[in-house]
Structure formats: structure tokens, C-alpha cells
N, C-alpha and C. Protein backbone atom coordinates (compact mmCIF):
# COMPACT_ATOMS: atom_id res chain seq x y z
N MET A 1 -164.02 76.17 0.06
CA MET A 1 -164.74 76.76 -1.04
C MET A 1 -163.75 77.58 -1.87
N THR A 2 -163.75 77.35 -3.19
CA THR A 2 -162.87 78.06 -4.10
C THR A 2 -163.60 79.26 -4.66
N GLN A 3 -162.91 80.40 -4.63
CA GLN A 3 -163.50 81.63 -5.14
C GLN A 3 -163.01 81.86 -6.57
N ALA A 4 -163.93 82.17 -7.47
CA ALA A 4 -163.57 82.43 -8.86
C ALA A 4 -162.86 83.78 -8.97
N LEU A 5 -161.83 83.80 -9.82
CA LEU A 5 -161.09 85.04 -10.03
C LEU A 5 -161.84 85.90 -11.04
N GLU A 6 -161.96 87.15 -10.74
CA GLU A 6 -162.59 88.08 -11.68
C GLU A 6 -161.50 88.80 -12.46
N THR A 7 -161.72 88.94 -13.75
CA THR A 7 -160.79 89.66 -14.59
C THR A 7 -161.06 91.15 -14.44
N PRO A 8 -160.02 91.94 -14.10
CA PRO A 8 -160.23 93.38 -14.04
C PRO A 8 -160.70 93.89 -15.40
N PRO A 9 -161.62 94.85 -15.41
CA PRO A 9 -162.17 95.35 -16.68
C PRO A 9 -161.10 95.81 -17.68
N GLU A 10 -160.05 96.46 -17.21
CA GLU A 10 -159.03 96.95 -18.13
C GLU A 10 -158.24 95.80 -18.75
N LEU A 11 -158.05 94.70 -18.03
CA LEU A 11 -157.37 93.53 -18.58
C LEU A 11 -158.24 92.88 -19.65
N GLY A 12 -159.52 92.78 -19.39
CA GLY A 12 -160.44 92.23 -20.37
C GLY A 12 -160.48 93.06 -21.64
N ARG A 13 -160.47 94.38 -21.49
CA ARG A 13 -160.48 95.27 -22.66
C ARG A 13 -159.16 95.14 -23.44
N ALA A 14 -158.06 95.02 -22.73
CA ALA A 14 -156.76 94.87 -23.40
C ALA A 14 -156.73 93.56 -24.19
N ARG A 15 -157.24 92.50 -23.60
CA ARG A 15 -157.28 91.22 -24.30
C ARG A 15 -158.16 91.30 -25.54
N GLU A 16 -159.33 91.91 -25.41
CA GLU A 16 -160.23 92.06 -26.56
C GLU A 16 -159.58 92.90 -27.66
N ARG A 17 -158.91 93.97 -27.29
CA ARG A 17 -158.23 94.82 -28.27
C ARG A 17 -157.12 94.05 -28.98
N PHE A 18 -156.36 93.26 -28.22
CA PHE A 18 -155.29 92.45 -28.80
C PHE A 18 -155.88 91.45 -29.81
N LEU A 19 -156.96 90.78 -29.44
CA LEU A 19 -157.59 89.81 -30.34
C LEU A 19 -158.12 90.49 -31.60
N GLU A 20 -158.59 91.72 -31.49
CA GLU A 20 -159.00 92.48 -32.67
C GLU A 20 -157.81 92.77 -33.57
N LEU A 21 -156.68 93.14 -32.96
CA LEU A 21 -155.47 93.45 -33.73
C LEU A 21 -154.96 92.24 -34.51
N VAL A 22 -155.06 91.05 -33.92
CA VAL A 22 -154.49 89.86 -34.54
C VAL A 22 -155.50 89.07 -35.36
N ALA A 23 -156.73 89.50 -35.41
CA ALA A 23 -157.79 88.72 -36.08
C ALA A 23 -157.46 88.43 -37.54
N ASP A 24 -156.90 89.39 -38.26
CA ASP A 24 -156.62 89.18 -39.69
C ASP A 24 -155.47 88.21 -39.93
N VAL A 25 -154.49 88.18 -39.05
CA VAL A 25 -153.32 87.32 -39.26
C VAL A 25 -153.49 85.94 -38.60
N ARG A 26 -154.46 85.79 -37.72
CA ARG A 26 -154.63 84.54 -36.98
C ARG A 26 -154.82 83.31 -37.88
N PRO A 27 -155.66 83.37 -38.94
CA PRO A 27 -155.79 82.19 -39.80
C PRO A 27 -154.47 81.77 -40.45
N GLU A 28 -153.66 82.75 -40.86
CA GLU A 28 -152.35 82.43 -41.44
C GLU A 28 -151.43 81.82 -40.40
N LEU A 29 -151.48 82.35 -39.18
CA LEU A 29 -150.67 81.78 -38.10
C LEU A 29 -151.05 80.32 -37.88
N HIS A 30 -152.35 80.04 -37.91
CA HIS A 30 -152.80 78.67 -37.71
C HIS A 30 -152.32 77.77 -38.84
N ARG A 31 -152.45 78.23 -40.08
CA ARG A 31 -151.96 77.43 -41.22
C ARG A 31 -150.48 77.11 -41.04
N TYR A 32 -149.71 78.12 -40.67
CA TYR A 32 -148.27 77.93 -40.49
C TYR A 32 -147.99 76.94 -39.37
N CYS A 33 -148.57 77.18 -38.21
CA CYS A 33 -148.29 76.33 -37.05
C CYS A 33 -148.76 74.89 -37.27
N ALA A 34 -149.93 74.73 -37.89
CA ALA A 34 -150.44 73.38 -38.14
C ALA A 34 -149.51 72.60 -39.05
N ARG A 35 -148.96 73.27 -40.04
CA ARG A 35 -148.05 72.59 -40.95
C ARG A 35 -146.71 72.30 -40.28
N VAL A 36 -146.24 73.20 -39.46
CA VAL A 36 -144.95 72.98 -38.78
C VAL A 36 -145.05 71.79 -37.82
N VAL A 37 -146.11 71.73 -37.04
CA VAL A 37 -146.21 70.66 -36.04
C VAL A 37 -146.91 69.42 -36.57
N GLY A 38 -147.51 69.49 -37.77
CA GLY A 38 -148.09 68.32 -38.40
C GLY A 38 -149.50 67.98 -37.99
N SER A 39 -150.19 68.89 -37.33
CA SER A 39 -151.55 68.62 -36.88
C SER A 39 -152.32 69.92 -36.74
N ALA A 40 -153.54 69.92 -37.27
CA ALA A 40 -154.37 71.13 -37.14
C ALA A 40 -154.72 71.39 -35.68
N ILE A 41 -154.95 70.33 -34.92
CA ILE A 41 -155.31 70.50 -33.50
C ILE A 41 -154.12 71.02 -32.70
N ASP A 42 -152.95 70.40 -32.88
CA ASP A 42 -151.76 70.89 -32.19
C ASP A 42 -151.40 72.29 -32.67
N GLY A 43 -151.64 72.56 -33.95
CA GLY A 43 -151.38 73.90 -34.48
C GLY A 43 -152.21 74.94 -33.78
N GLU A 44 -153.47 74.61 -33.48
CA GLU A 44 -154.34 75.54 -32.75
C GLU A 44 -153.79 75.77 -31.34
N ASP A 45 -153.32 74.71 -30.70
CA ASP A 45 -152.72 74.87 -29.36
C ASP A 45 -151.50 75.78 -29.42
N VAL A 46 -150.68 75.61 -30.44
CA VAL A 46 -149.48 76.43 -30.59
C VAL A 46 -149.87 77.90 -30.82
N VAL A 47 -150.89 78.14 -31.65
CA VAL A 47 -151.33 79.51 -31.90
C VAL A 47 -151.85 80.14 -30.61
N GLN A 48 -152.63 79.39 -29.86
CA GLN A 48 -153.15 79.91 -28.59
C GLN A 48 -151.99 80.30 -27.66
N GLU A 49 -151.00 79.42 -27.56
CA GLU A 49 -149.85 79.72 -26.69
C GLU A 49 -149.06 80.91 -27.23
N ALA A 50 -148.90 80.99 -28.55
CA ALA A 50 -148.18 82.11 -29.14
C ALA A 50 -148.90 83.43 -28.88
N LEU A 51 -150.22 83.42 -29.02
CA LEU A 51 -150.98 84.65 -28.76
C LEU A 51 -150.92 85.04 -27.28
N ALA A 52 -150.94 84.05 -26.41
CA ALA A 52 -150.80 84.35 -24.98
C ALA A 52 -149.43 84.96 -24.69
N ARG A 53 -148.39 84.39 -25.29
CA ARG A 53 -147.04 84.95 -25.13
C ARG A 53 -146.99 86.37 -25.70
N GLY A 54 -147.63 86.55 -26.86
CA GLY A 54 -147.63 87.87 -27.49
C GLY A 54 -148.33 88.91 -26.64
N LEU A 55 -149.48 88.56 -26.10
CA LEU A 55 -150.21 89.50 -25.25
C LEU A 55 -149.38 89.86 -24.02
N TYR A 56 -148.76 88.87 -23.41
CA TYR A 56 -147.93 89.12 -22.23
C TYR A 56 -146.74 90.02 -22.61
N SER A 57 -146.09 89.70 -23.72
CA SER A 57 -144.94 90.48 -24.15
C SER A 57 -145.32 91.93 -24.45
N LEU A 58 -146.46 92.12 -25.10
CA LEU A 58 -146.90 93.49 -25.40
C LEU A 58 -147.20 94.27 -24.13
N SER A 59 -147.71 93.58 -23.13
CA SER A 59 -148.04 94.27 -21.88
C SER A 59 -146.78 94.77 -21.17
N MET A 60 -145.63 94.16 -21.49
CA MET A 60 -144.37 94.56 -20.86
C MET A 60 -143.64 95.64 -21.66
N GLY A 61 -144.04 95.85 -22.92
CA GLY A 61 -143.36 96.80 -23.79
C GLY A 61 -143.98 98.18 -23.74
N THR A 62 -143.34 99.09 -24.44
CA THR A 62 -143.83 100.46 -24.48
C THR A 62 -144.42 100.83 -25.83
N GLU A 63 -144.07 100.05 -26.88
CA GLU A 63 -144.61 100.37 -28.20
C GLU A 63 -144.95 99.08 -28.93
N LEU A 64 -145.84 99.20 -29.90
CA LEU A 64 -146.31 98.07 -30.68
C LEU A 64 -145.32 97.79 -31.81
N PRO A 65 -144.78 96.55 -31.88
CA PRO A 65 -143.86 96.23 -32.99
C PRO A 65 -144.65 96.06 -34.28
N ALA A 66 -143.95 95.87 -35.38
CA ALA A 66 -144.62 95.55 -36.65
C ALA A 66 -145.33 94.22 -36.42
N LEU A 67 -146.63 94.27 -36.32
CA LEU A 67 -147.43 93.17 -35.78
C LEU A 67 -147.27 91.85 -36.52
N ARG A 68 -147.47 91.83 -37.83
CA ARG A 68 -147.46 90.57 -38.58
C ARG A 68 -146.13 89.84 -38.46
N PRO A 69 -144.98 90.47 -38.80
CA PRO A 69 -143.71 89.74 -38.68
C PRO A 69 -143.41 89.34 -37.24
N TRP A 70 -143.75 90.19 -36.31
CA TRP A 70 -143.50 89.89 -34.90
C TRP A 70 -144.31 88.68 -34.45
N LEU A 71 -145.59 88.64 -34.84
CA LEU A 71 -146.43 87.49 -34.47
C LEU A 71 -145.93 86.20 -35.10
N PHE A 72 -145.43 86.28 -36.33
CA PHE A 72 -144.89 85.07 -36.95
C PHE A 72 -143.62 84.61 -36.23
N ARG A 73 -142.81 85.53 -35.74
CA ARG A 73 -141.63 85.12 -34.97
C ARG A 73 -142.05 84.45 -33.67
N VAL A 74 -143.04 85.03 -32.99
CA VAL A 74 -143.53 84.44 -31.74
C VAL A 74 -144.12 83.05 -32.02
N ALA A 75 -144.92 82.94 -33.09
CA ALA A 75 -145.53 81.65 -33.43
C ALA A 75 -144.47 80.63 -33.84
N HIS A 76 -143.49 81.08 -34.60
CA HIS A 76 -142.39 80.19 -35.01
C HIS A 76 -141.66 79.64 -33.79
N ASN A 77 -141.27 80.53 -32.90
CA ASN A 77 -140.55 80.10 -31.70
C ASN A 77 -141.41 79.17 -30.84
N THR A 78 -142.69 79.45 -30.75
CA THR A 78 -143.60 78.60 -29.97
C THR A 78 -143.72 77.23 -30.62
N ALA A 79 -143.82 77.18 -31.94
CA ALA A 79 -143.91 75.89 -32.64
C ALA A 79 -142.63 75.08 -32.47
N ILE A 80 -141.49 75.74 -32.57
CA ILE A 80 -140.21 75.04 -32.37
C ILE A 80 -140.12 74.52 -30.94
N ASP A 81 -140.53 75.32 -29.97
CA ASP A 81 -140.55 74.85 -28.58
C ASP A 81 -141.46 73.64 -28.43
N PHE A 82 -142.62 73.67 -29.09
CA PHE A 82 -143.55 72.55 -29.06
C PHE A 82 -142.89 71.29 -29.61
N LEU A 83 -142.22 71.42 -30.76
CA LEU A 83 -141.56 70.27 -31.37
C LEU A 83 -140.45 69.74 -30.49
N ARG A 84 -139.70 70.61 -29.89
CA ARG A 84 -138.61 70.17 -28.98
C ARG A 84 -139.18 69.49 -27.75
N ARG A 85 -140.23 70.07 -27.22
CA ARG A 85 -140.81 69.55 -25.99
C ARG A 85 -141.34 68.14 -26.19
N TYR A 86 -141.95 67.89 -27.28
CA TYR A 86 -142.55 66.58 -27.54
C TYR A 86 -141.72 65.71 -28.47
N GLU A 87 -140.54 66.22 -28.85
CA GLU A 87 -139.62 65.47 -29.70
C GLU A 87 -140.35 64.84 -30.89
N ARG A 88 -141.07 65.68 -31.59
CA ARG A 88 -141.83 65.21 -32.75
C ARG A 88 -140.95 65.32 -33.99
N ARG A 89 -140.29 64.24 -34.30
CA ARG A 89 -139.46 64.22 -35.50
C ARG A 89 -140.24 63.75 -36.71
N HIS A 90 -141.21 62.88 -36.49
CA HIS A 90 -142.02 62.36 -37.58
C HIS A 90 -143.48 62.43 -37.15
N VAL A 91 -144.30 62.89 -38.05
CA VAL A 91 -145.73 62.95 -37.78
C VAL A 91 -146.46 62.24 -38.91
N GLU A 92 -147.68 61.88 -38.67
CA GLU A 92 -148.49 61.23 -39.69
C GLU A 92 -148.93 62.26 -40.72
N PRO A 93 -148.82 61.91 -42.00
CA PRO A 93 -149.34 62.82 -43.03
C PRO A 93 -150.85 63.00 -42.85
N ARG A 94 -151.32 64.21 -43.09
CA ARG A 94 -152.73 64.52 -42.92
C ARG A 94 -153.32 64.96 -44.24
N ALA A 95 -154.30 64.25 -44.73
CA ALA A 95 -154.95 64.61 -45.98
C ALA A 95 -155.84 65.83 -45.80
N ASP A 96 -156.30 66.11 -44.58
CA ASP A 96 -157.23 67.21 -44.35
C ASP A 96 -156.53 68.57 -44.24
N MET A 97 -155.28 68.66 -44.59
CA MET A 97 -154.55 69.93 -44.52
C MET A 97 -154.62 70.70 -45.84
N ASP A 98 -155.39 70.20 -46.81
CA ASP A 98 -155.50 70.82 -48.12
C ASP A 98 -156.22 72.16 -48.01
N ASP A 99 -155.75 73.14 -48.77
CA ASP A 99 -156.36 74.47 -48.78
C ASP A 99 -157.51 74.54 -49.78
N GLY A 100 -157.72 73.49 -50.55
CA GLY A 100 -158.78 73.50 -51.53
C GLY A 100 -158.35 74.02 -52.88
N ALA A 101 -157.20 74.62 -52.99
CA ALA A 101 -156.71 75.13 -54.26
C ALA A 101 -155.78 74.10 -54.87
N GLY A 102 -155.82 73.98 -56.18
CA GLY A 102 -154.91 73.04 -56.82
C GLY A 102 -155.19 72.92 -58.29
N PRO A 103 -154.43 72.07 -58.98
CA PRO A 103 -154.62 71.89 -60.41
C PRO A 103 -155.95 71.20 -60.70
N ASP A 104 -156.33 71.22 -61.97
CA ASP A 104 -157.60 70.60 -62.36
C ASP A 104 -157.61 69.10 -62.11
N GLU A 105 -156.48 68.46 -62.36
CA GLU A 105 -156.39 67.02 -62.14
C GLU A 105 -155.67 66.75 -60.83
N PRO A 106 -156.20 65.84 -60.02
CA PRO A 106 -155.53 65.55 -58.74
C PRO A 106 -154.21 64.83 -58.97
N PRO A 107 -153.20 65.15 -58.18
CA PRO A 107 -151.89 64.49 -58.33
C PRO A 107 -151.98 63.03 -57.85
N ASP A 108 -151.01 62.27 -58.25
CA ASP A 108 -150.93 60.87 -57.85
C ASP A 108 -150.75 60.78 -56.34
N PRO A 109 -151.64 60.06 -55.63
CA PRO A 109 -151.53 59.96 -54.17
C PRO A 109 -150.20 59.37 -53.70
N ALA A 110 -149.62 58.46 -54.46
CA ALA A 110 -148.34 57.86 -54.06
C ALA A 110 -147.23 58.91 -54.08
N ILE A 111 -147.28 59.79 -55.09
CA ILE A 111 -146.28 60.86 -55.18
C ILE A 111 -146.48 61.85 -54.04
N GLN A 112 -147.72 62.16 -53.73
CA GLN A 112 -148.00 63.07 -52.61
C GLN A 112 -147.47 62.50 -51.30
N ARG A 113 -147.71 61.22 -51.04
CA ARG A 113 -147.23 60.60 -49.80
C ARG A 113 -145.71 60.62 -49.73
N ALA A 114 -145.06 60.30 -50.84
CA ALA A 114 -143.59 60.30 -50.87
C ALA A 114 -143.04 61.70 -50.64
N ALA A 115 -143.65 62.70 -51.27
CA ALA A 115 -143.19 64.08 -51.09
C ALA A 115 -143.41 64.54 -49.65
N LEU A 116 -144.56 64.21 -49.08
CA LEU A 116 -144.85 64.62 -47.72
C LEU A 116 -143.92 63.92 -46.73
N ALA A 117 -143.64 62.64 -46.95
CA ALA A 117 -142.72 61.91 -46.07
C ALA A 117 -141.33 62.54 -46.12
N SER A 118 -140.87 62.90 -47.33
CA SER A 118 -139.56 63.55 -47.45
C SER A 118 -139.56 64.90 -46.76
N PHE A 119 -140.65 65.65 -46.94
CA PHE A 119 -140.77 66.96 -46.31
C PHE A 119 -140.71 66.84 -44.79
N LEU A 120 -141.40 65.85 -44.23
CA LEU A 120 -141.44 65.68 -42.78
C LEU A 120 -140.11 65.21 -42.22
N ASP A 121 -139.24 64.66 -43.07
CA ASP A 121 -137.91 64.25 -42.62
C ASP A 121 -136.94 65.43 -42.52
N LEU A 122 -137.31 66.57 -43.11
CA LEU A 122 -136.46 67.76 -43.02
C LEU A 122 -136.37 68.23 -41.57
N PRO A 123 -135.26 68.85 -41.18
CA PRO A 123 -135.21 69.49 -39.85
C PRO A 123 -136.31 70.55 -39.75
N ALA A 124 -136.77 70.80 -38.54
CA ALA A 124 -137.88 71.73 -38.32
C ALA A 124 -137.62 73.11 -38.92
N SER A 125 -136.41 73.63 -38.81
CA SER A 125 -136.13 74.98 -39.34
C SER A 125 -136.27 75.00 -40.86
N GLN A 126 -135.89 73.92 -41.54
CA GLN A 126 -136.04 73.88 -42.99
C GLN A 126 -137.50 73.74 -43.39
N ARG A 127 -138.27 72.93 -42.64
CA ARG A 127 -139.71 72.83 -42.91
C ARG A 127 -140.36 74.20 -42.74
N CYS A 128 -139.97 74.90 -41.68
CA CYS A 128 -140.54 76.23 -41.42
C CYS A 128 -140.24 77.18 -42.57
N ALA A 129 -139.03 77.16 -43.08
CA ALA A 129 -138.65 78.04 -44.17
C ALA A 129 -139.50 77.75 -45.42
N VAL A 130 -139.69 76.49 -45.74
CA VAL A 130 -140.50 76.12 -46.90
C VAL A 130 -141.94 76.60 -46.72
N ILE A 131 -142.50 76.38 -45.55
CA ILE A 131 -143.88 76.78 -45.30
C ILE A 131 -144.03 78.29 -45.39
N LEU A 132 -143.13 79.03 -44.75
CA LEU A 132 -143.22 80.49 -44.78
C LEU A 132 -143.09 81.03 -46.20
N LYS A 133 -142.13 80.51 -46.96
CA LYS A 133 -141.87 81.05 -48.30
C LYS A 133 -142.85 80.53 -49.33
N ASP A 134 -142.99 79.21 -49.44
CA ASP A 134 -143.75 78.63 -50.54
C ASP A 134 -145.23 78.46 -50.27
N VAL A 135 -145.61 78.25 -49.02
CA VAL A 135 -147.02 78.06 -48.71
C VAL A 135 -147.69 79.39 -48.37
N LEU A 136 -147.05 80.17 -47.50
CA LEU A 136 -147.66 81.42 -47.05
C LEU A 136 -147.23 82.64 -47.85
N GLY A 137 -146.22 82.48 -48.72
CA GLY A 137 -145.82 83.57 -49.59
C GLY A 137 -145.02 84.68 -48.95
N HIS A 138 -144.35 84.40 -47.84
CA HIS A 138 -143.51 85.42 -47.22
C HIS A 138 -142.31 85.69 -48.12
N SER A 139 -141.78 86.89 -48.03
CA SER A 139 -140.57 87.21 -48.78
C SER A 139 -139.39 86.46 -48.16
N LEU A 140 -138.29 86.39 -48.91
CA LEU A 140 -137.10 85.75 -48.36
C LEU A 140 -136.62 86.48 -47.11
N GLU A 141 -136.72 87.81 -47.12
CA GLU A 141 -136.28 88.60 -45.97
C GLU A 141 -137.13 88.29 -44.73
N GLU A 142 -138.47 88.24 -44.92
CA GLU A 142 -139.37 87.92 -43.81
C GLU A 142 -139.09 86.51 -43.27
N THR A 143 -138.89 85.57 -44.20
CA THR A 143 -138.62 84.19 -43.81
C THR A 143 -137.32 84.12 -43.02
N ALA A 144 -136.28 84.76 -43.52
CA ALA A 144 -134.98 84.75 -42.84
C ALA A 144 -135.08 85.38 -41.46
N GLU A 145 -135.79 86.49 -41.35
CA GLU A 145 -135.94 87.18 -40.07
C GLU A 145 -136.68 86.31 -39.07
N THR A 146 -137.74 85.63 -39.51
CA THR A 146 -138.51 84.75 -38.63
C THR A 146 -137.66 83.60 -38.14
N ILE A 147 -136.94 82.96 -39.05
CA ILE A 147 -136.11 81.80 -38.69
C ILE A 147 -134.91 82.23 -37.85
N LYS A 148 -134.31 83.38 -38.17
CA LYS A 148 -133.11 83.86 -37.47
C LYS A 148 -133.39 84.08 -35.98
N GLN A 149 -134.55 84.60 -35.66
CA GLN A 149 -134.89 84.88 -34.27
C GLN A 149 -134.73 83.64 -33.42
N ASN A 150 -135.14 82.48 -33.93
CA ASN A 150 -135.09 81.26 -33.15
C ASN A 150 -133.67 80.72 -33.06
N SER A 151 -132.87 80.88 -34.08
CA SER A 151 -131.51 80.31 -34.07
C SER A 151 -130.59 81.06 -33.11
N THR A 152 -130.96 82.29 -32.74
CA THR A 152 -130.13 83.05 -31.80
C THR A 152 -130.51 82.79 -30.36
N ASN A 153 -131.63 82.07 -30.13
CA ASN A 153 -132.07 81.79 -28.76
C ASN A 153 -131.41 80.57 -28.20
């Protein structure tokens, strides 16, 4: 007979508090991770793993880092690990990744496919830089800091 593990109340409260802290940045993390790995579903898996790593890391520290940039570094490193682990060099373009914002007239689908194919051929670190800067609007300094963390590992 297998006995179910009970979560100590203080651990449950810490997890809930952490999820409250990251609630505002979580959608952006998902947008970033989904675009880096090429799939909304895999992006959600990467975000979940990044948040688990973040919660564990915070439990080992003594002070709270600047949350947003720190979470993006954790998510970036987790996404890169995901890509390395599964050797995903090329992914299928996804039409459902649209944010709903755009010009009044839809762009030519052939041009979109060609641009997306070229984008997906970029090395992962370059794709990440484009997504952070041009899609999510991070500053050059934030983008460099996020990318730099992974290149030193």
C-alpha cells in the first residue's frame, strides 16, 4: 500500500506566496518560452520547470532578487536546456502564436512563412535575443543580462 505524501503547511504557504509573486510576469514568461521552443504546449512545460527551479532556488537564498529579470534568466536557461535536451533545431511554424495585434491588412502568408523559417534557422541565443527585445520589449541591457547568464554556464 502506497501512502500519499502530505505537504507541510509552511511549504504550501511558501508555494502559494511564490505563485502570487510571479503571477504578473507568468504570461510574459510563457510568451517568451513558447516562442523560444516553438510550441505553446512545450513553452508551458518550460515555464513550469522554470518556476519550480525558481522556487527551489529562492528557498536556498537569503534575499529576494529583482524578480522579473531573475525569472527571465531562469526561464531563458530552462528553455535553452530544453532545446539542448531535445536537440530542437527546427520546429514547425505555428499560426496560433499570434498576439492578435497587427496592421489593418494581413501580411502575405508566403512572406510570413519565409520570415518564420529564417527566424527558426537562427541559433537559439539569437532567437532569444530577438524575442526578448522586439517581441517582449526588454531593454538592450535586460536582454544582454538574460542571454549572458546562459553563455557563462
